[in-house]
Amino acid sequence: MIGATLHGLVLAFGLIIPLGAQNVFVFNQGAVQSRFLRVLPVIITASICDTLLIVAAVLGVSFVILTVSWLQFVLFGIGIFFLLYMGLSVWRSHGGSPSHREEEVSPKKQIAFAASVSLLNPHAILDTVGVIGTNSLSYTGTEKMAFTLACIFVSWAWFFGLAIAGRIVGNIDRTGTIVGKINKLSALIIWGVALYLIYQLFWGANTG
């Protein structure tokens, strides 16, 4: 069981570290929100969504997405739309001083955006299915449970850590200059992911 737990911890950590729209958005909200409590909606939403993807991958449910072409097309389309809209919202949000950060992304938008970059990102799903789902096949019973819980733990701990790191940056930035630049960089990364998905949707399948 210890081996399965360590396997899950290392594997999940390696998958979640790379820069992506989900990580960028969590960090961004940690930096721009006036209080840490205001970041909890995005942290919890992203963590729950990752938990659902991990459980679905381990149980084999999410393999359906890989075998239904029209479902993949719909998933890509919705994901692209949300990413473009989210990028625009983040780009328009100003850095401002800490006292003016109440105007940043609302809890409802946080939840919608976090859910969209988590559940509507085909590549995140493919990574979860292809890597975590495949690796889980090596285990059964309590070992599989330990592997799954380890992956889930890393996800929750990582998002809380990202938000805290963003919060530290936001507290240091008393003028809002750094936060403003983070907003712009976040938006560009989110749009970059959207453009990559567009490429994959219309040309990737033909060239792969």
Protein backbone atom coordinates (compact mmCIF):
# COMPACT_ATOMS: atom_id res chain seq x y z
CA MET A 1 0.00 0.00 0.00
CA ILE A 2 2.90 2.36 0.74
CA GLY A 3 4.27 1.79 -2.75
CA ALA A 4 0.89 2.56 -4.34
CA THR A 5 0.57 5.72 -2.23
CA LEU A 6 4.03 6.98 -3.19
CA HIS A 7 3.32 6.14 -6.83
CA GLY A 8 0.12 8.19 -6.73
CA LEU A 9 1.82 11.14 -5.00
CA VAL A 10 4.72 11.33 -7.44
CA LEU A 11 2.58 10.74 -10.53
CA ALA A 12 -0.07 13.31 -9.62
CA PHE A 13 2.55 15.88 -8.65
CA GLY A 14 4.31 15.46 -11.99
CA LEU A 15 1.04 15.88 -13.89
CA ILE A 16 -0.25 18.93 -12.04
CA ILE A 17 2.94 21.04 -11.98
CA PRO A 18 3.07 22.05 -15.69
CA LEU A 19 1.72 25.54 -16.38
CA GLY A 20 -1.85 25.51 -17.65
CA ALA A 21 -5.05 27.52 -17.63
CA GLN A 22 -6.27 25.87 -14.42
CA ASN A 23 -3.09 26.58 -12.45
CA VAL A 24 -2.85 30.11 -13.82
CA PHE A 25 -6.42 30.94 -12.85
CA VAL A 26 -6.07 29.62 -9.29
CA PHE A 27 -2.84 31.58 -8.76
CA ASN A 28 -4.37 34.67 -10.34
CA GLN A 29 -7.36 34.62 -8.01
CA GLY A 30 -5.09 34.18 -5.01
CA ALA A 31 -3.29 37.35 -6.05
CA VAL A 32 -6.25 39.57 -6.91
CA GLN A 33 -8.83 38.75 -4.26
CA SER A 34 -8.88 41.02 -1.21
CA ARG A 35 -9.18 38.13 1.28
CA PHE A 36 -8.14 34.49 1.16
CA LEU A 37 -11.71 33.39 1.93
CA ARG A 38 -12.73 34.88 -1.42
CA VAL A 39 -10.40 32.44 -3.19
CA LEU A 40 -12.01 29.35 -1.64
CA PRO A 41 -14.69 28.98 -4.37
CA VAL A 42 -12.07 28.55 -7.10
CA ILE A 43 -9.84 26.31 -4.95
CA ILE A 44 -12.68 24.01 -3.92
CA THR A 45 -14.21 23.90 -7.41
CA ALA A 46 -10.91 23.07 -9.11
CA SER A 47 -10.13 20.45 -6.47
CA ILE A 48 -13.55 18.80 -6.70
CA CYS A 49 -13.39 18.75 -10.50
CA ASP A 50 -9.96 17.12 -10.40
CA THR A 51 -11.25 14.62 -7.85
CA LEU A 52 -14.13 13.69 -10.15
CA LEU A 53 -11.77 13.27 -13.12
CA ILE A 54 -9.37 11.12 -11.11
CA VAL A 55 -12.15 8.88 -9.77
CA ALA A 56 -13.70 8.60 -13.25
CA ALA A 57 -10.31 7.70 -14.72
CA VAL A 58 -9.62 5.04 -12.09
CA LEU A 59 -13.09 3.55 -12.54
CA GLY A 60 -12.71 3.62 -16.32
CA VAL A 61 -15.81 5.79 -16.84
CA SER A 62 -13.97 8.60 -18.63
CA PHE A 63 -12.69 6.22 -21.34
CA VAL A 64 -16.05 6.81 -23.02
CA ILE A 65 -14.85 10.27 -24.04
CA LEU A 66 -12.00 8.73 -25.99
CA THR A 67 -14.30 6.51 -28.05
CA VAL A 68 -17.12 8.94 -28.96
CA SER A 69 -15.91 11.40 -31.62
CA TRP A 70 -18.89 13.77 -31.49
CA LEU A 71 -18.58 14.01 -27.71
CA GLN A 72 -14.95 15.05 -28.09
CA PHE A 73 -16.00 17.69 -30.64
CA VAL A 74 -18.64 19.14 -28.30
CA LEU A 75 -16.20 19.09 -25.39
CA PHE A 76 -13.56 20.94 -27.40
CA GLY A 77 -16.10 23.52 -28.61
CA ILE A 78 -17.51 24.34 -25.20
CA GLY A 79 -14.03 24.38 -23.68
CA ILE A 80 -12.76 26.83 -26.29
CA PHE A 81 -15.72 29.17 -25.73
CA PHE A 82 -15.24 29.26 -21.96
CA LEU A 83 -11.49 29.78 -22.25
CA LEU A 84 -11.89 32.71 -24.65
CA TYR A 85 -14.51 34.31 -22.40
CA MET A 86 -12.49 33.72 -19.26
CA GLY A 87 -9.36 35.17 -20.84
CA LEU A 88 -11.28 38.32 -21.77
CA SER A 89 -12.65 38.71 -18.24
CA VAL A 90 -9.22 38.27 -16.67
CA TRP A 91 -7.62 40.67 -19.18
CA ARG A 92 -10.18 43.38 -18.40
CA SER A 93 -9.79 43.03 -14.63
CA HIS A 94 -7.45 45.70 -13.26
CA GLY A 95 -4.70 45.20 -10.71
CA GLY A 96 -5.66 48.05 -8.44
CA SER A 97 -4.68 48.46 -4.83
CA PRO A 98 -5.74 45.82 -2.27
CA SER A 99 -8.61 48.05 -1.16
CA HIS A 100 -10.14 47.96 -4.65
CA ARG A 101 -9.85 44.23 -5.33
CA GLU A 102 -13.44 43.63 -4.25
CA GLU A 103 -14.32 44.26 -7.90
CA GLU A 104 -12.42 41.22 -9.15
CA VAL A 105 -13.95 37.98 -10.38
CA SER A 106 -17.07 37.13 -8.36
CA PRO A 107 -17.57 33.74 -6.62
CA LYS A 108 -20.07 32.66 -9.30
CA LYS A 109 -17.61 33.45 -12.08
CA GLN A 110 -14.80 31.79 -10.15
CA ILE A 111 -16.82 28.58 -9.92
CA ALA A 112 -17.86 28.70 -13.59
CA PHE A 113 -14.35 29.45 -14.82
CA ALA A 114 -12.66 26.91 -12.56
CA ALA A 115 -15.13 24.23 -13.62
CA SER A 116 -14.70 25.07 -17.30
CA VAL A 117 -10.89 24.88 -17.31
CA SER A 118 -11.07 21.65 -15.30
CA LEU A 119 -13.91 19.70 -16.91
CA LEU A 120 -13.96 21.24 -20.40
CA ASN A 121 -10.25 20.93 -21.10
CA PRO A 122 -9.89 17.85 -23.32
CA HIS A 123 -6.16 17.60 -22.73
CA ALA A 124 -6.57 17.60 -18.97
CA ILE A 125 -9.07 14.78 -19.34
CA LEU A 126 -6.84 12.86 -21.73
CA ASP A 127 -3.90 13.22 -19.34
CA THR A 128 -6.00 11.98 -16.45
CA VAL A 129 -7.37 9.04 -18.42
CA GLY A 130 -4.15 8.17 -20.22
CA VAL A 131 -1.80 8.51 -17.26
CA ILE A 132 -3.64 8.17 -13.95
CA GLY A 133 -6.28 5.81 -15.33
CA THR A 134 -3.70 3.59 -17.00
CA ASN A 135 -1.36 3.52 -13.99
CA SER A 136 -4.24 2.61 -11.68
CA LEU A 137 -4.68 -0.64 -13.60
CA SER A 138 -1.62 -1.95 -11.77
CA TYR A 139 -3.51 -2.00 -8.49
CA THR A 140 -6.60 -3.58 -6.99
CA GLY A 141 -8.50 -3.30 -3.73
CA THR A 142 -6.90 -1.22 -0.96
CA GLU A 143 -3.82 -0.48 -3.07
CA LYS A 144 -5.95 1.07 -5.81
CA MET A 145 -7.78 3.11 -3.18
CA ALA A 146 -4.48 4.29 -1.71
CA PHE A 147 -3.23 5.24 -5.18
CA THR A 148 -6.43 7.16 -5.93
CA LEU A 149 -6.49 9.01 -2.59
CA ALA A 150 -2.84 9.99 -3.01
CA CYS A 151 -3.60 11.55 -6.41
CA ILE A 152 -6.58 13.40 -4.96
CA PHE A 153 -4.54 14.66 -1.98
CA VAL A 154 -1.88 16.13 -4.28
CA SER A 155 -4.56 17.94 -6.28
CA TRP A 156 -6.15 19.59 -3.23
CA ALA A 157 -2.82 20.47 -1.63
CA TRP A 158 -1.49 21.94 -4.88
CA PHE A 159 -4.44 24.25 -5.46
CA PHE A 160 -4.38 25.52 -1.89
CA GLY A 161 -0.62 26.09 -2.24
CA LEU A 162 -1.05 27.96 -5.53
CA ALA A 163 -3.69 30.24 -4.04
CA ILE A 164 -1.52 30.94 -1.00
CA ALA A 165 1.44 31.77 -3.27
CA GLY A 166 -0.78 34.13 -5.23
CA ARG A 167 -2.00 35.69 -1.99
CA ILE A 168 1.59 36.35 -0.89
CA VAL A 169 2.34 38.08 -4.19
CA GLY A 170 -0.86 40.11 -3.89
CA ASN A 171 0.04 41.27 -0.38
CA ILE A 172 3.52 42.32 -1.47
CA ASP A 173 2.10 44.26 -4.41
CA ARG A 174 0.66 47.28 -2.61
CA THR A 175 0.16 49.31 -5.81
CA GLY A 176 -1.43 46.60 -7.90
CA THR A 177 1.24 46.80 -10.61
CA ILE A 178 2.38 43.20 -10.30
CA VAL A 179 -1.20 41.93 -10.03
CA GLY A 180 -2.13 43.88 -13.16
CA LYS A 181 0.72 42.23 -15.07
CA ILE A 182 -0.30 38.83 -13.68
CA ASN A 183 -3.81 39.43 -15.04
CA LYS A 184 -2.47 40.17 -18.51
CA LEU A 185 -0.09 37.20 -18.47
CA SER A 186 -2.86 34.92 -17.19
CA ALA A 187 -5.19 36.04 -19.98
CA LEU A 188 -2.52 35.42 -22.64
CA ILE A 189 -1.84 31.91 -21.33
CA ILE A 190 -5.56 31.11 -21.21
CA TRP A 191 -6.02 32.38 -24.77
CA GLY A 192 -2.97 30.36 -25.81
CA VAL A 193 -4.60 27.20 -24.49
CA ALA A 194 -7.81 28.09 -26.36
CA LEU A 195 -5.91 28.61 -29.63
CA TYR A 196 -4.14 25.28 -29.16
CA LEU A 197 -7.50 23.57 -28.66
CA ILE A 198 -8.81 25.24 -31.84
CA TYR A 199 -5.79 23.90 -33.73
CA GLN A 200 -6.30 20.44 -32.31
CA LEU A 201 -10.02 20.52 -33.12
CA PHE A 202 -9.70 21.47 -36.79
CA TRP A 203 -6.20 20.41 -37.83
CA GLY A 204 -4.68 18.23 -35.10
CA ALA A 205 -6.78 15.17 -35.89
CA ASN A 206 -5.87 15.38 -39.58
CA THR A 207 -2.14 15.66 -38.96
CA GLY A 208 -1.94 13.16 -36.09
